[in-house]
Amino acid sequence: MLGALAVVSGAFGAHASKSLMGPEMAQVYETAVRYHIYHTLAIVAVTALAARLSCATWWQWACRAWLTGIVLFSGSLYLRVLADLDWLAAVTPVGGGALIIGWLSLAAAAGGYAGRAGE
């Protein structure tokens, strides 16, 4: 569902951006779509691999953080552009922080896995 929503959002932005938003807001919207799809793909990859790997808790935290980040980061940018809600700019960094936490959780999971590779 996240992937489908990212593609629909991207298509909407590509086709509607010329009539609904100026160039600066179109770039903000494109950033939202880009981060949305990147982190959706990361969730798919981790979900596919996590069952085979140790440290399942860290893998789960990575996916939860990325999902939260998609909602807060990309979601706040989508709403900021489409609904002209500039106050949502304060939410965007919180979403970015969640995306970073996801990557740090992935690093912790990988570190835990590396420590068990010889078993």
Protein backbone atom coordinates (compact mmCIF):
# COMPACT_ATOMS: atom_id res chain seq x y z
CA MET A 1 0.00 0.00 0.00
CA LEU A 2 2.85 2.38 0.79
CA GLY A 3 4.37 1.77 -2.64
CA ALA A 4 1.08 2.29 -4.44
CA LEU A 5 0.49 5.50 -2.52
CA ALA A 6 3.99 6.73 -3.41
CA VAL A 7 3.41 6.08 -7.12
CA VAL A 8 -0.03 7.73 -7.06
CA SER A 9 1.44 10.71 -5.20
CA GLY A 10 4.29 10.97 -7.69
CA ALA A 11 1.96 10.77 -10.67
CA PHE A 12 -0.31 13.38 -9.16
CA GLY A 13 2.63 15.67 -8.51
CA ALA A 14 4.00 15.21 -12.00
CA HIS A 15 0.71 15.93 -13.72
CA ALA A 16 -0.91 18.43 -11.38
CA SER A 17 2.13 20.36 -10.27
CA LYS A 18 2.08 22.75 -13.20
CA SER A 19 -1.42 23.95 -12.45
CA LEU A 20 -1.60 23.64 -8.64
CA MET A 21 1.79 24.68 -7.34
CA GLY A 22 4.70 26.88 -8.20
CA PRO A 23 8.19 25.55 -8.93
CA GLU A 24 9.37 25.83 -5.32
CA MET A 25 6.40 23.89 -3.94
CA ALA A 26 6.69 21.36 -6.77
CA GLN A 27 10.24 20.68 -5.60
CA VAL A 28 9.04 20.25 -2.00
CA TYR A 29 6.38 17.82 -3.22
CA GLU A 30 8.96 15.89 -5.25
CA THR A 31 11.13 15.57 -2.14
CA ALA A 32 8.16 14.11 -0.26
CA VAL A 33 7.58 11.54 -3.00
CA ARG A 34 11.27 10.64 -3.24
CA TYR A 35 11.66 10.01 0.49
CA HIS A 36 8.35 8.16 0.51
CA ILE A 37 9.42 5.70 -2.19
CA TYR A 38 12.98 5.24 -0.87
CA HIS A 39 11.77 4.33 2.59
CA THR A 40 8.96 2.16 1.24
CA LEU A 41 11.58 0.16 -0.66
CA ALA A 42 13.73 -0.03 2.48
CA ILE A 43 10.75 -1.45 4.42
CA VAL A 44 10.16 -4.05 1.70
CA ALA A 45 13.83 -5.07 1.68
CA VAL A 46 14.09 -5.32 5.46
CA THR A 47 10.82 -7.21 5.70
CA ALA A 48 12.01 -9.70 3.10
CA LEU A 49 15.33 -10.26 4.87
CA ALA A 50 14.42 -9.92 8.55
CA ALA A 51 12.92 -13.39 8.89
CA ARG A 52 16.30 -14.89 8.01
CA LEU A 53 18.36 -12.66 10.25
CA SER A 54 18.89 -12.25 13.96
CA CYS A 55 18.05 -9.16 16.02
CA ALA A 56 14.44 -9.15 14.84
CA THR A 57 13.60 -6.41 17.33
CA TRP A 58 16.00 -3.95 15.68
CA TRP A 59 14.68 -4.79 12.20
CA GLN A 60 11.13 -4.17 13.43
CA TRP A 61 12.14 -0.85 14.99
CA ALA A 62 13.72 0.20 11.71
CA CYS A 63 10.50 -0.48 9.81
CA ARG A 64 8.33 1.21 12.43
CA ALA A 65 10.54 4.28 12.44
CA TRP A 66 10.52 4.45 8.64
CA LEU A 67 6.73 4.14 8.55
CA THR A 68 6.44 6.91 11.12
CA GLY A 69 8.91 8.98 9.12
CA ILE A 70 6.98 8.51 5.89
CA VAL A 71 3.78 9.67 7.58
CA LEU A 72 5.34 12.63 9.37
CA PHE A 73 8.01 13.71 6.85
CA SER A 74 6.36 13.03 3.50
CA GLY A 75 2.86 13.49 4.87
CA SER A 76 3.64 16.92 6.30
CA LEU A 77 5.22 17.98 3.01
CA TYR A 78 2.27 16.68 0.96
CA LEU A 79 -0.18 18.57 3.17
CA ARG A 80 1.99 21.66 3.28
CA VAL A 81 1.97 21.86 -0.51
CA LEU A 82 -1.57 20.71 -1.26
CA ALA A 83 -3.45 22.35 1.62
CA ASP A 84 -1.15 25.35 2.07
CA LEU A 85 -0.56 24.46 5.73
CA ASP A 86 2.76 26.14 6.38
CA TRP A 87 2.65 25.34 10.10
CA LEU A 88 3.33 21.71 9.15
CA ALA A 89 6.91 22.71 8.42
CA ALA A 90 7.45 22.19 12.16
CA VAL A 91 6.40 18.52 11.84
CA THR A 92 8.72 17.71 8.94
CA PRO A 93 11.95 17.56 11.01
CA VAL A 94 10.27 15.17 13.46
CA GLY A 95 9.55 12.88 10.52
CA GLY A 96 13.13 13.27 9.33
CA GLY A 97 14.29 12.28 12.81
CA ALA A 98 12.15 9.15 12.61
CA LEU A 99 13.73 8.27 9.25
CA ILE A 100 17.19 8.68 10.80
CA ILE A 101 16.18 6.51 13.77
CA GLY A 102 15.12 3.87 11.26
CA TRP A 103 18.56 3.87 9.67
CA LEU A 104 20.26 3.76 13.06
CA SER A 105 18.05 0.82 14.02
CA LEU A 106 19.08 -0.89 10.81
CA ALA A 107 22.72 -0.29 11.72
CA ALA A 108 22.10 -1.83 15.16
CA ALA A 109 20.40 -4.80 13.53
CA ALA A 110 23.29 -5.25 11.11
CA GLY A 111 25.78 -4.98 13.96
CA GLY A 112 23.90 -7.65 15.88
CA TYR A 113 23.80 -9.85 12.82
CA ALA A 114 27.51 -9.36 12.10
CA GLY A 115 28.30 -10.53 15.60
CA ARG A 116 26.43 -13.79 14.96
CA ALA A 117 27.61 -14.44 11.41
CA GLY A 118 29.95 -17.22 12.47
CA GLU A 119 27.26 -19.20 14.33
